[in-house]
């Protein structure tokens, strides 16, 4: 099957991406809506979650992606495999995360992954990067205590920036004493991760945990 060709870079600040999505009706999305939820932000073609949903059937998986053709194709593949714990959603996460999670039962969101996001190299484009303080704040509001956020990139400056954003928020604590994780703690690597490692290039990884409120 030929790959769907779509634009690699999509500006999330463009006018056509400024309308938030409607809240999800979780019981219509998943057969077992009360299973713990893994949220993958910027899921691209969705192959990572496609494998994760088969490896961990007791979890539900939701992939968010701003390129709609990739979402359509990913949902088609998930349906073909009969996966009832997997769903992909076309949205701009920077204005749609709160509506998406607003109807989610407390404690359900237990794992978030943000992997190899678009680096937007130019300084003037930094606001287009996905990990903004507002996103971190929203994840802090909805992630269960003890839930984790896994970050990775093949661009060190992006990995550092993402880590700094989570370190700055009092709800999150970086796990481990080393600067970067040597291994991926998840059972499935992404396509970009595999390609990067095959080239012998480094992957910068970090894991954060949502801690209890100190109020």
N, C-alpha and C. Protein backbone atom coordinates (compact mmCIF):
# COMPACT_ATOMS: atom_id res chain seq x y z
N UNK A 1 0.84 -1.19 0.00
CA UNK A 1 0.00 0.00 0.00
C UNK A 1 0.88 1.24 0.00
N UNK A 2 0.70 2.20 -0.94
CA UNK A 2 1.54 3.39 -0.98
C UNK A 2 1.28 4.28 0.21
N UNK A 3 2.32 5.00 0.67
CA UNK A 3 2.16 5.92 1.77
C UNK A 3 1.38 7.14 1.32
N UNK A 4 0.55 7.65 2.22
CA UNK A 4 -0.15 8.89 1.95
C UNK A 4 0.84 10.03 2.07
N UNK A 5 0.88 10.89 1.05
CA UNK A 5 1.80 12.01 1.08
C UNK A 5 1.07 13.26 1.59
N UNK A 6 1.56 13.81 2.68
CA UNK A 6 0.98 15.01 3.25
C UNK A 6 2.12 15.97 3.59
N UNK A 7 1.76 17.19 3.87
CA UNK A 7 2.77 18.17 4.24
C UNK A 7 3.45 17.76 5.53
N UNK A 8 4.77 17.86 5.56
CA UNK A 8 5.50 17.47 6.76
C UNK A 8 5.33 18.50 7.87
N UNK A 9 5.26 19.77 7.49
CA UNK A 9 5.16 20.84 8.47
C UNK A 9 3.80 21.53 8.34
N UNK A 10 3.08 21.60 9.44
CA UNK A 10 1.78 22.27 9.46
C UNK A 10 1.83 23.32 10.56
N UNK A 11 1.53 24.56 10.21
CA UNK A 11 1.57 25.65 11.18
C UNK A 11 0.33 25.62 12.07
N UNK A 12 0.48 25.28 13.36
CA UNK A 12 -0.69 25.20 14.24
C UNK A 12 -1.33 26.55 14.54
N UNK A 13 -0.62 27.63 14.18
CA UNK A 13 -1.16 28.97 14.42
C UNK A 13 -1.99 29.47 13.24
N UNK A 14 -2.04 28.69 12.16
CA UNK A 14 -2.84 29.09 11.00
C UNK A 14 -4.32 29.17 11.38
N UNK A 15 -5.02 30.06 10.71
CA UNK A 15 -6.43 30.34 11.06
C UNK A 15 -7.30 29.08 11.00
N UNK A 16 -7.04 28.22 10.01
CA UNK A 16 -7.92 27.05 9.83
C UNK A 16 -7.80 26.03 10.95
N UNK A 17 -6.78 26.18 11.81
CA UNK A 17 -6.60 25.24 12.92
C UNK A 17 -6.98 25.85 14.27
N UNK A 18 -7.71 26.95 14.26
CA UNK A 18 -7.99 27.65 15.52
C UNK A 18 -9.33 27.26 16.16
N UNK A 19 -10.11 26.43 15.50
CA UNK A 19 -11.38 25.99 16.08
C UNK A 19 -11.18 24.73 16.90
N UNK A 20 -11.41 24.76 18.22
CA UNK A 20 -11.22 23.56 19.04
C UNK A 20 -12.21 22.46 18.66
N UNK A 21 -11.84 21.23 18.91
CA UNK A 21 -12.75 20.12 18.66
C UNK A 21 -13.78 20.02 19.77
N UNK A 22 -14.84 19.30 19.51
CA UNK A 22 -15.87 19.08 20.52
C UNK A 22 -15.39 18.04 21.53
N UNK A 23 -15.89 18.10 22.77
CA UNK A 23 -15.54 17.06 23.75
C UNK A 23 -15.91 15.67 23.25
N UNK A 24 -15.13 14.68 23.65
CA UNK A 24 -15.37 13.31 23.23
C UNK A 24 -16.43 12.64 24.11
N UNK A 25 -17.20 11.77 23.51
CA UNK A 25 -18.09 10.87 24.26
C UNK A 25 -17.34 9.54 24.37
N UNK A 26 -16.65 9.36 25.48
CA UNK A 26 -15.69 8.26 25.62
C UNK A 26 -16.33 6.89 25.48
N UNK A 27 -17.58 6.75 25.91
CA UNK A 27 -18.25 5.45 25.82
C UNK A 27 -18.51 5.05 24.37
N UNK A 28 -18.54 6.04 23.47
CA UNK A 28 -18.73 5.74 22.05
C UNK A 28 -17.40 5.50 21.34
N UNK A 29 -16.31 5.92 21.98
CA UNK A 29 -14.99 5.78 21.38
C UNK A 29 -14.37 4.43 21.70
N UNK A 30 -14.52 3.98 22.96
CA UNK A 30 -13.88 2.74 23.41
C UNK A 30 -14.91 1.77 23.97
N UNK A 31 -14.69 0.49 23.72
CA UNK A 31 -15.57 -0.54 24.27
C UNK A 31 -15.51 -0.56 25.79
N UNK A 32 -14.28 -0.42 26.32
CA UNK A 32 -14.07 -0.36 27.77
C UNK A 32 -13.53 1.02 28.10
N UNK A 33 -14.43 1.97 28.32
CA UNK A 33 -14.02 3.36 28.48
C UNK A 33 -13.31 3.63 29.80
N UNK A 34 -13.42 2.72 30.76
CA UNK A 34 -12.81 2.95 32.07
C UNK A 34 -11.38 2.43 32.17
N UNK A 35 -10.85 1.87 31.09
CA UNK A 35 -9.46 1.43 31.12
C UNK A 35 -8.55 2.64 31.17
N UNK A 36 -7.32 2.49 31.72
CA UNK A 36 -6.39 3.61 31.72
C UNK A 36 -6.10 4.08 30.30
N UNK A 37 -5.89 5.39 30.15
CA UNK A 37 -5.71 6.00 28.84
C UNK A 37 -4.26 6.43 28.63
N UNK A 38 -3.74 6.09 27.45
CA UNK A 38 -2.43 6.56 26.98
C UNK A 38 -2.70 7.55 25.86
N UNK A 39 -2.23 8.78 26.04
CA UNK A 39 -2.41 9.85 25.07
C UNK A 39 -1.10 10.10 24.34
N UNK A 40 -1.12 10.01 23.01
CA UNK A 40 0.07 10.27 22.20
C UNK A 40 -0.16 11.55 21.42
N UNK A 41 0.61 12.58 21.76
CA UNK A 41 0.44 13.90 21.16
C UNK A 41 1.36 14.03 19.95
N UNK A 42 0.75 14.27 18.79
CA UNK A 42 1.52 14.32 17.55
C UNK A 42 1.85 12.93 17.06
N UNK A 43 0.81 12.12 16.84
CA UNK A 43 1.00 10.69 16.59
C UNK A 43 1.41 10.38 15.15
N UNK A 44 1.42 11.39 14.26
CA UNK A 44 1.80 11.19 12.86
C UNK A 44 0.97 10.06 12.22
N UNK A 45 1.62 9.05 11.65
CA UNK A 45 0.89 7.97 10.97
C UNK A 45 0.26 6.98 11.95
N UNK A 46 0.60 7.10 13.22
CA UNK A 46 -0.07 6.30 14.24
C UNK A 46 0.40 4.88 14.40
N UNK A 47 1.51 4.52 13.77
CA UNK A 47 1.96 3.13 13.84
C UNK A 47 2.41 2.74 15.23
N UNK A 48 2.98 3.68 15.97
CA UNK A 48 3.39 3.41 17.35
C UNK A 48 2.19 2.96 18.18
N UNK A 49 1.11 3.73 18.14
CA UNK A 49 -0.08 3.36 18.92
C UNK A 49 -0.74 2.11 18.38
N UNK A 50 -0.67 1.90 17.08
CA UNK A 50 -1.26 0.70 16.49
C UNK A 50 -0.64 -0.56 17.11
N UNK A 51 0.67 -0.51 17.33
CA UNK A 51 1.34 -1.64 17.97
C UNK A 51 1.08 -1.68 19.48
N UNK A 52 1.11 -0.51 20.11
CA UNK A 52 0.88 -0.46 21.56
C UNK A 52 -0.49 -1.01 21.93
N UNK A 53 -1.50 -0.70 21.12
CA UNK A 53 -2.86 -1.16 21.41
C UNK A 53 -2.97 -2.68 21.38
N UNK A 54 -2.11 -3.31 20.58
CA UNK A 54 -2.12 -4.77 20.52
C UNK A 54 -1.28 -5.37 21.65
N UNK A 55 -0.21 -4.69 22.02
CA UNK A 55 0.67 -5.18 23.11
C UNK A 55 0.00 -5.03 24.46
N UNK A 56 -0.78 -3.95 24.64
CA UNK A 56 -1.39 -3.65 25.93
C UNK A 56 -2.91 -3.50 25.77
N UNK A 57 -3.64 -4.60 25.63
CA UNK A 57 -5.08 -4.54 25.39
C UNK A 57 -5.89 -4.01 26.57
N UNK A 58 -5.28 -3.95 27.76
CA UNK A 58 -5.98 -3.44 28.95
C UNK A 58 -5.85 -1.93 29.10
N UNK A 59 -5.25 -1.30 28.10
CA UNK A 59 -5.15 0.15 28.04
C UNK A 59 -5.96 0.64 26.83
N UNK A 60 -6.44 1.89 26.92
CA UNK A 60 -6.98 2.58 25.75
C UNK A 60 -5.94 3.56 25.24
N UNK A 61 -5.93 3.79 23.93
CA UNK A 61 -4.93 4.64 23.30
C UNK A 61 -5.61 5.68 22.42
N UNK A 62 -5.17 6.93 22.59
CA UNK A 62 -5.71 8.03 21.80
C UNK A 62 -4.55 8.80 21.18
N UNK A 63 -4.54 8.89 19.85
CA UNK A 63 -3.53 9.64 19.14
C UNK A 63 -4.10 10.94 18.61
N UNK A 64 -3.39 12.04 18.84
CA UNK A 64 -3.81 13.35 18.35
C UNK A 64 -2.85 13.80 17.26
N UNK A 65 -3.41 14.27 16.15
CA UNK A 65 -2.56 14.66 15.01
C UNK A 65 -3.24 15.79 14.24
N UNK A 66 -2.43 16.76 13.80
CA UNK A 66 -2.96 17.94 13.11
C UNK A 66 -3.12 17.72 11.60
N UNK A 67 -2.54 16.64 11.07
CA UNK A 67 -2.66 16.37 9.63
C UNK A 67 -3.77 15.34 9.41
N UNK A 68 -4.90 15.83 8.95
CA UNK A 68 -6.13 15.01 8.89
C UNK A 68 -6.00 13.75 8.04
N UNK A 69 -5.34 13.77 6.87
CA UNK A 69 -5.25 12.53 6.09
C UNK A 69 -4.56 11.40 6.86
N UNK A 70 -3.60 11.73 7.70
CA UNK A 70 -2.93 10.69 8.48
C UNK A 70 -3.89 10.09 9.50
N UNK A 71 -4.75 10.92 10.07
CA UNK A 71 -5.73 10.44 11.05
C UNK A 71 -6.74 9.50 10.40
N UNK A 72 -7.22 9.89 9.23
CA UNK A 72 -8.20 9.06 8.50
C UNK A 72 -7.61 7.68 8.21
N UNK A 73 -6.37 7.67 7.71
CA UNK A 73 -5.72 6.40 7.37
C UNK A 73 -5.44 5.57 8.62
N UNK A 74 -5.01 6.21 9.70
CA UNK A 74 -4.71 5.47 10.93
C UNK A 74 -5.97 4.83 11.51
N UNK A 75 -7.08 5.57 11.52
CA UNK A 75 -8.33 5.01 12.02
C UNK A 75 -8.80 3.85 11.14
N UNK A 76 -8.56 3.96 9.84
CA UNK A 76 -8.94 2.87 8.94
C UNK A 76 -8.17 1.59 9.28
N UNK A 77 -6.88 1.73 9.51
CA UNK A 77 -6.06 0.56 9.85
C UNK A 77 -6.49 -0.04 11.19
N UNK A 78 -6.76 0.82 12.16
CA UNK A 78 -7.21 0.33 13.46
C UNK A 78 -8.51 -0.45 13.36
N UNK A 79 -9.42 0.06 12.53
CA UNK A 79 -10.70 -0.64 12.34
C UNK A 79 -10.50 -1.97 11.63
N UNK A 80 -9.61 -2.00 10.66
CA UNK A 80 -9.35 -3.24 9.94
C UNK A 80 -8.83 -4.32 10.87
N UNK A 81 -8.05 -3.92 11.89
CA UNK A 81 -7.50 -4.87 12.85
C UNK A 81 -8.48 -5.16 13.99
N UNK A 82 -9.61 -4.48 13.99
CA UNK A 82 -10.62 -4.72 15.01
C UNK A 82 -10.21 -4.24 16.40
N UNK A 83 -9.39 -3.21 16.46
CA UNK A 83 -8.90 -2.73 17.75
C UNK A 83 -9.93 -1.79 18.38
N UNK A 84 -10.53 -2.22 19.48
CA UNK A 84 -11.55 -1.44 20.16
C UNK A 84 -10.97 -0.51 21.23
N UNK A 85 -9.66 -0.57 21.42
CA UNK A 85 -9.00 0.26 22.44
C UNK A 85 -8.11 1.33 21.82
N UNK A 86 -8.38 1.67 20.56
CA UNK A 86 -7.54 2.59 19.81
C UNK A 86 -8.38 3.58 19.03
N UNK A 87 -7.98 4.86 19.10
CA UNK A 87 -8.68 5.89 18.33
C UNK A 87 -7.71 7.01 18.03
N UNK A 88 -7.89 7.62 16.85
CA UNK A 88 -7.09 8.77 16.44
C UNK A 88 -8.02 9.95 16.20
N UNK A 89 -7.54 11.15 16.53
CA UNK A 89 -8.38 12.34 16.42
C UNK A 89 -7.62 13.45 15.72
N UNK A 90 -8.24 14.03 14.71
CA UNK A 90 -7.68 15.18 14.01
C UNK A 90 -7.96 16.43 14.82
N UNK A 91 -6.91 17.12 15.25
CA UNK A 91 -7.09 18.33 16.05
C UNK A 91 -5.78 19.09 16.15
N UNK A 92 -5.87 20.32 16.62
CA UNK A 92 -4.73 21.12 17.03
C UNK A 92 -4.66 21.00 18.54
N UNK A 93 -3.69 20.27 19.05
CA UNK A 93 -3.65 19.97 20.48
C UNK A 93 -3.49 21.24 21.31
N UNK A 94 -2.92 22.29 20.74
CA UNK A 94 -2.69 23.50 21.52
C UNK A 94 -3.95 24.30 21.80
N UNK A 95 -5.07 23.96 21.16
CA UNK A 95 -6.33 24.59 21.55
C UNK A 95 -7.44 23.57 21.81
N UNK A 96 -7.13 22.29 21.66
CA UNK A 96 -8.18 21.27 21.78
C UNK A 96 -7.98 20.29 22.93
N UNK A 97 -6.83 20.35 23.62
CA UNK A 97 -6.57 19.35 24.64
C UNK A 97 -7.58 19.43 25.78
N UNK A 98 -7.86 20.64 26.27
CA UNK A 98 -8.81 20.78 27.37
C UNK A 98 -10.21 20.29 26.99
N UNK A 99 -10.76 20.68 25.82
CA UNK A 99 -12.06 20.13 25.44
C UNK A 99 -12.07 18.61 25.34
N UNK A 100 -11.00 18.04 24.79
CA UNK A 100 -10.93 16.59 24.64
C UNK A 100 -10.97 15.90 26.00
N UNK A 101 -10.20 16.41 26.94
CA UNK A 101 -10.06 15.74 28.23
C UNK A 101 -11.11 16.16 29.25
N UNK A 102 -11.90 17.19 28.93
CA UNK A 102 -12.84 17.73 29.92
C UNK A 102 -13.91 16.74 30.34
N UNK A 103 -14.23 15.79 29.48
CA UNK A 103 -15.27 14.80 29.80
C UNK A 103 -14.69 13.47 30.27
N UNK A 104 -13.37 13.44 30.45
CA UNK A 104 -12.72 12.19 30.86
C UNK A 104 -12.84 12.01 32.36
N UNK A 105 -13.15 10.80 32.78
CA UNK A 105 -13.26 10.50 34.20
C UNK A 105 -11.91 10.71 34.89
N UNK A 106 -11.95 11.28 36.09
CA UNK A 106 -10.74 11.56 36.84
C UNK A 106 -9.93 10.29 37.07
N UNK A 107 -8.63 10.38 36.88
CA UNK A 107 -7.74 9.25 37.12
C UNK A 107 -7.54 8.33 35.94
N UNK A 108 -8.26 8.57 34.83
CA UNK A 108 -8.17 7.69 33.66
C UNK A 108 -6.90 7.95 32.85
N UNK A 109 -6.56 9.22 32.66
CA UNK A 109 -5.36 9.55 31.88
C UNK A 109 -4.12 9.25 32.72
N UNK A 110 -3.38 8.22 32.31
CA UNK A 110 -2.25 7.76 33.12
C UNK A 110 -0.90 7.81 32.39
N UNK A 111 -0.92 8.04 31.08
CA UNK A 111 0.36 8.08 30.35
C UNK A 111 0.22 8.99 29.15
N UNK A 112 1.24 9.84 28.96
CA UNK A 112 1.29 10.76 27.82
C UNK A 112 2.64 10.61 27.15
N UNK A 113 2.65 10.57 25.83
CA UNK A 113 3.90 10.55 25.08
C UNK A 113 3.91 11.71 24.09
N UNK A 114 5.07 12.37 24.02
CA UNK A 114 5.32 13.42 23.03
C UNK A 114 6.67 13.07 22.41
N UNK A 115 6.64 12.57 21.19
CA UNK A 115 7.84 11.96 20.61
C UNK A 115 8.19 12.58 19.26
N UNK A 116 9.41 13.10 19.19
CA UNK A 116 9.94 13.67 17.96
C UNK A 116 9.02 14.73 17.36
N UNK A 117 8.62 15.72 18.16
CA UNK A 117 7.75 16.77 17.62
C UNK A 117 8.51 17.64 16.62
N UNK A 118 7.76 18.31 15.77
CA UNK A 118 8.36 19.22 14.79
C UNK A 118 9.20 20.25 15.53
N UNK A 119 10.49 20.38 15.20
CA UNK A 119 11.37 21.28 15.96
C UNK A 119 11.17 22.76 15.67
N UNK A 120 10.62 23.11 14.50
CA UNK A 120 10.48 24.54 14.14
C UNK A 120 11.75 25.28 14.52
N UNK A 121 12.80 25.08 13.74
CA UNK A 121 14.14 25.52 14.07
C UNK A 121 14.28 27.03 14.31
N UNK A 122 13.59 27.85 13.53
CA UNK A 122 13.78 29.29 13.63
C UNK A 122 13.18 29.84 14.93
N UNK A 123 13.90 30.74 15.56
CA UNK A 123 13.46 31.31 16.83
C UNK A 123 12.09 31.97 16.70
N UNK A 124 11.84 32.62 15.58
CA UNK A 124 10.55 33.31 15.42
C UNK A 124 9.38 32.34 15.29
N UNK A 125 9.69 31.05 15.08
CA UNK A 125 8.64 30.03 14.98
C UNK A 125 8.49 29.21 16.26
N UNK A 126 9.16 29.63 17.33
CA UNK A 126 9.16 28.83 18.56
C UNK A 126 7.76 28.62 19.12
N UNK A 127 6.85 29.57 18.91
CA UNK A 127 5.49 29.43 19.43
C UNK A 127 4.70 28.35 18.69
N UNK A 128 5.25 27.87 17.58
CA UNK A 128 4.57 26.78 16.87
C UNK A 128 4.90 25.41 17.46
N UNK A 129 5.91 25.34 18.31
CA UNK A 129 6.28 24.06 18.91
C UNK A 129 5.17 23.59 19.85
N UNK A 130 5.01 22.30 19.92
CA UNK A 130 3.84 21.75 20.61
C UNK A 130 3.91 21.91 22.12
N UNK A 131 5.11 21.78 22.72
CA UNK A 131 5.20 21.84 24.18
C UNK A 131 5.35 23.28 24.62
N UNK A 132 4.20 23.90 24.89
CA UNK A 132 4.12 25.25 25.42
C UNK A 132 3.68 25.17 26.88
N UNK A 133 3.94 26.23 27.68
CA UNK A 133 3.52 26.19 29.09
C UNK A 133 2.04 25.88 29.27
N UNK A 134 1.20 26.35 28.35
CA UNK A 134 -0.24 26.09 28.45
C UNK A 134 -0.54 24.60 28.32
N UNK A 135 0.18 23.92 27.44
CA UNK A 135 -0.02 22.48 27.28
C UNK A 135 0.39 21.74 28.55
N UNK A 136 1.52 22.12 29.12
CA UNK A 136 1.98 21.48 30.36
C UNK A 136 0.96 21.69 31.47
N UNK A 137 0.40 22.88 31.56
CA UNK A 137 -0.60 23.18 32.58
C UNK A 137 -1.84 22.30 32.40
N UNK A 138 -2.28 22.13 31.17
CA UNK A 138 -3.46 21.29 30.92
C UNK A 138 -3.19 19.83 31.25
N UNK A 139 -2.00 19.35 30.94
CA UNK A 139 -1.65 17.97 31.30
C UNK A 139 -1.60 17.81 32.82
N UNK A 140 -1.11 18.83 33.50
CA UNK A 140 -1.09 18.78 34.97
C UNK A 140 -2.50 18.70 35.54
N UNK A 141 -3.45 19.33 34.86
CA UNK A 141 -4.84 19.33 35.35
C UNK A 141 -5.51 17.98 35.17
N UNK A 142 -5.16 17.24 34.13
CA UNK A 142 -5.92 16.03 33.79
C UNK A 142 -5.17 14.72 34.02
N UNK A 143 -3.85 14.76 34.09
CA UNK A 143 -3.10 13.52 34.29
C UNK A 143 -3.28 13.02 35.72
N UNK A 144 -3.46 11.72 35.88
CA UNK A 144 -3.62 11.14 37.22
C UNK A 144 -2.34 11.29 38.02
N UNK A 145 -2.48 11.41 39.32
CA UNK A 145 -1.31 11.40 40.19
C UNK A 145 -0.58 10.07 40.00
N UNK A 146 0.72 10.13 39.80
CA UNK A 146 1.49 8.93 39.49
C UNK A 146 1.57 8.63 38.01
N UNK A 147 0.79 9.36 37.21
CA UNK A 147 0.85 9.21 35.76
C UNK A 147 2.15 9.77 35.22
N UNK A 148 2.53 9.35 34.02
CA UNK A 148 3.83 9.73 33.49
C UNK A 148 3.71 10.42 32.14
N UNK A 149 4.72 11.26 31.86
CA UNK A 149 4.87 11.90 30.56
C UNK A 149 6.24 11.49 30.02
N UNK A 150 6.25 10.85 28.86
CA UNK A 150 7.49 10.42 28.23
C UNK A 150 7.79 11.31 27.04
N UNK A 151 8.99 11.90 27.04
CA UNK A 151 9.41 12.81 25.99
C UNK A 151 10.62 12.23 25.26
N UNK A 152 10.66 12.38 23.95
CA UNK A 152 11.90 12.05 23.26
C UNK A 152 11.99 12.82 21.94
N UNK A 153 13.25 13.09 21.56
CA UNK A 153 13.53 13.82 20.32
C UNK A 153 14.93 13.46 19.85
N UNK A 154 15.15 13.63 18.55
CA UNK A 154 16.51 13.48 18.03
C UNK A 154 17.20 14.83 17.92
N UNK A 155 16.54 15.89 18.38
CA UNK A 155 17.12 17.23 18.44
C UNK A 155 17.32 17.61 19.90
N UNK A 156 18.57 17.74 20.33
CA UNK A 156 18.83 17.96 21.74
C UNK A 156 18.20 19.25 22.25
N UNK A 157 18.24 20.31 21.45
CA UNK A 157 17.69 21.58 21.94
C UNK A 157 16.18 21.51 22.16
N UNK A 158 15.50 20.69 21.36
CA UNK A 158 14.06 20.50 21.56
C UNK A 158 13.81 19.66 22.81
N UNK A 159 14.60 18.61 23.00
CA UNK A 159 14.46 17.79 24.20
C UNK A 159 14.70 18.62 25.45
N UNK A 160 15.72 19.47 25.42
CA UNK A 160 16.01 20.34 26.56
C UNK A 160 14.85 21.30 26.82
N UNK A 161 14.34 21.89 25.76
CA UNK A 161 13.22 22.84 25.92
C UNK A 161 11.99 22.15 26.49
N UNK A 162 11.67 20.96 25.99
CA UNK A 162 10.51 20.23 26.52
C UNK A 162 10.71 19.91 28.00
N UNK A 163 11.90 19.43 28.34
CA UNK A 163 12.18 19.11 29.74
C UNK A 163 12.08 20.34 30.64
N UNK A 164 12.61 21.45 30.15
CA UNK A 164 12.57 22.68 30.94
C UNK A 164 11.13 23.10 31.22
N UNK A 165 10.25 22.93 30.24
CA UNK A 165 8.84 23.31 30.43
C UNK A 165 8.18 22.47 31.52
N UNK A 166 8.50 21.17 31.54
CA UNK A 166 7.90 20.31 32.57
C UNK A 166 8.57 20.53 33.92
N UNK A 167 9.87 20.79 33.93
CA UNK A 167 10.56 21.06 35.20
C UNK A 167 10.03 22.33 35.86
N UNK A 168 9.61 23.28 35.05
CA UNK A 168 9.13 24.55 35.57
C UNK A 168 7.77 24.43 36.25
N UNK A 169 7.07 23.34 35.98
CA UNK A 169 5.72 23.18 36.56
C UNK A 169 5.81 22.36 37.84
N UNK A 170 5.24 22.84 38.93
CA UNK A 170 5.37 22.14 40.22
C UNK A 170 4.69 20.78 40.28
N UNK A 171 3.82 20.47 39.32
CA UNK A 171 3.12 19.18 39.35
C UNK A 171 3.99 18.04 38.85
N UNK A 172 5.10 18.37 38.18
CA UNK A 172 5.88 17.32 37.53
C UNK A 172 7.28 17.19 38.13
N UNK A 173 7.74 15.96 38.21
CA UNK A 173 9.07 15.65 38.71
C UNK A 173 9.77 14.72 37.73
N UNK A 174 10.99 15.08 37.35
CA UNK A 174 11.76 14.26 36.43
C UNK A 174 12.22 13.00 37.14
N UNK A 175 12.08 11.86 36.48
CA UNK A 175 12.46 10.58 37.06
C UNK A 175 13.89 10.23 36.65
N UNK A 176 14.64 9.70 37.60
CA UNK A 176 16.03 9.30 37.32
C UNK A 176 16.98 10.45 37.56
N UNK A 177 18.24 10.10 37.78
CA UNK A 177 19.26 11.10 38.06
C UNK A 177 20.08 11.48 36.82
N UNK A 178 20.04 10.61 35.80
CA UNK A 178 20.80 10.90 34.59
C UNK A 178 20.09 11.96 33.77
N UNK A 179 20.86 12.68 32.95
CA UNK A 179 20.26 13.74 32.13
C UNK A 179 19.28 13.16 31.13
N UNK A 180 19.66 12.07 30.47
CA UNK A 180 18.81 11.44 29.47
C UNK A 180 18.70 9.95 29.74
N UNK A 181 17.53 9.39 29.45
CA UNK A 181 17.35 7.95 29.58
C UNK A 181 18.11 7.23 28.47
N UNK A 182 18.82 6.18 28.84
CA UNK A 182 19.58 5.42 27.83
C UNK A 182 18.66 4.54 26.99
N UNK A 183 17.55 4.11 27.57
CA UNK A 183 16.64 3.20 26.87
C UNK A 183 15.21 3.74 26.91
N UNK A 184 14.44 3.35 25.94
CA UNK A 184 13.01 3.67 25.90
C UNK A 184 12.28 2.75 26.89
N UNK A 185 11.55 3.29 27.88
CA UNK A 185 10.86 2.44 28.85
C UNK A 185 9.60 1.77 28.31
N UNK A 186 9.18 2.15 27.11
CA UNK A 186 7.98 1.57 26.52
C UNK A 186 8.33 0.37 25.65
N UNK A 187 7.39 -0.54 25.44
CA UNK A 187 7.70 -1.76 24.70
C UNK A 187 7.76 -1.60 23.19
N UNK A 188 7.36 -0.43 22.68
CA UNK A 188 7.31 -0.21 21.24
C UNK A 188 8.05 1.08 20.89
N UNK A 189 9.00 1.04 19.96
CA UNK A 189 9.66 2.27 19.49
C UNK A 189 8.86 2.91 18.36
N UNK A 190 9.06 4.20 18.16
CA UNK A 190 8.43 4.86 17.02
C UNK A 190 9.26 4.63 15.76
N UNK A 191 8.65 4.90 14.62
CA UNK A 191 9.37 4.77 13.35
C UNK A 191 10.56 5.72 13.30
N UNK A 192 10.37 6.94 13.80
CA UNK A 192 11.47 7.92 13.79
C UNK A 192 12.60 7.47 14.71
N UNK A 193 12.24 6.89 15.84
CA UNK A 193 13.25 6.39 16.77
C UNK A 193 14.10 5.29 16.12
N UNK A 194 13.45 4.35 15.45
CA UNK A 194 14.17 3.26 14.79
C UNK A 194 15.10 3.81 13.71
N UNK A 195 14.60 4.75 12.91
CA UNK A 195 15.40 5.31 11.83
C UNK A 195 16.61 6.08 12.38
N UNK A 196 16.40 6.82 13.46
CA UNK A 196 17.48 7.59 14.07
C UNK A 196 18.57 6.67 14.60
N UNK A 197 18.17 5.62 15.29
CA UNK A 197 19.14 4.69 15.86
C UNK A 197 19.89 3.91 14.77
N UNK A 198 19.21 3.61 13.67
CA UNK A 198 19.88 2.91 12.57
C UNK A 198 20.98 3.76 11.96
N UNK A 199 20.82 5.08 12.03
CA UNK A 199 21.84 5.99 11.52
C UNK A 199 22.95 6.22 12.54
N UNK A 200 22.81 5.61 13.73
CA UNK A 200 23.81 5.77 14.77
C UNK A 200 23.75 7.11 15.47
N UNK A 201 22.62 7.80 15.36
CA UNK A 201 22.47 9.11 15.97
C UNK A 201 21.77 8.99 17.33
N UNK A 202 22.01 9.92 18.24
CA UNK A 202 21.43 9.82 19.59
C UNK A 202 19.96 10.20 19.64
N UNK A 203 19.27 9.61 20.61
CA UNK A 203 17.89 9.98 20.92
C UNK A 203 17.90 10.49 22.36
N UNK A 204 17.29 11.66 22.57
CA UNK A 204 17.26 12.29 23.89
C UNK A 204 15.90 12.03 24.53
N UNK A 205 15.92 11.29 25.64
CA UNK A 205 14.68 10.84 26.27
C UNK A 205 14.61 11.26 27.72
N UNK A 206 13.39 11.54 28.19
CA UNK A 206 13.17 11.87 29.61
C UNK A 206 11.77 11.44 30.01
N UNK A 207 11.64 11.13 31.29
CA UNK A 207 10.36 10.67 31.84
C UNK A 207 10.01 11.53 33.05
N UNK A 208 8.78 12.04 33.06
CA UNK A 208 8.30 12.86 34.18
C UNK A 208 7.09 12.17 34.81
N UNK A 209 6.93 12.37 36.11
CA UNK A 209 5.81 11.79 36.83
C UNK A 209 4.98 12.93 37.44
N UNK A 210 3.68 12.76 37.45
CA UNK A 210 2.78 13.72 38.09
C UNK A 210 2.75 13.39 39.59
N UNK A 211 3.18 14.36 40.38
CA UNK A 211 3.22 14.12 41.82
C UNK A 211 1.99 14.69 42.51
N UNK A 212 1.80 14.27 43.74
CA UNK A 212 0.65 14.74 44.51
C UNK A 212 0.76 16.23 44.78
N UNK A 213 -0.39 16.87 44.87
CA UNK A 213 -0.40 18.30 45.16
C UNK A 213 0.18 18.56 46.54
N UNK A 214 0.96 19.64 46.66
CA UNK A 214 1.57 19.99 47.94
C UNK A 214 0.80 21.10 48.65
N UNK A 215 -0.41 21.34 48.19
CA UNK A 215 -1.24 22.37 48.82
C UNK A 215 -1.65 21.93 50.22
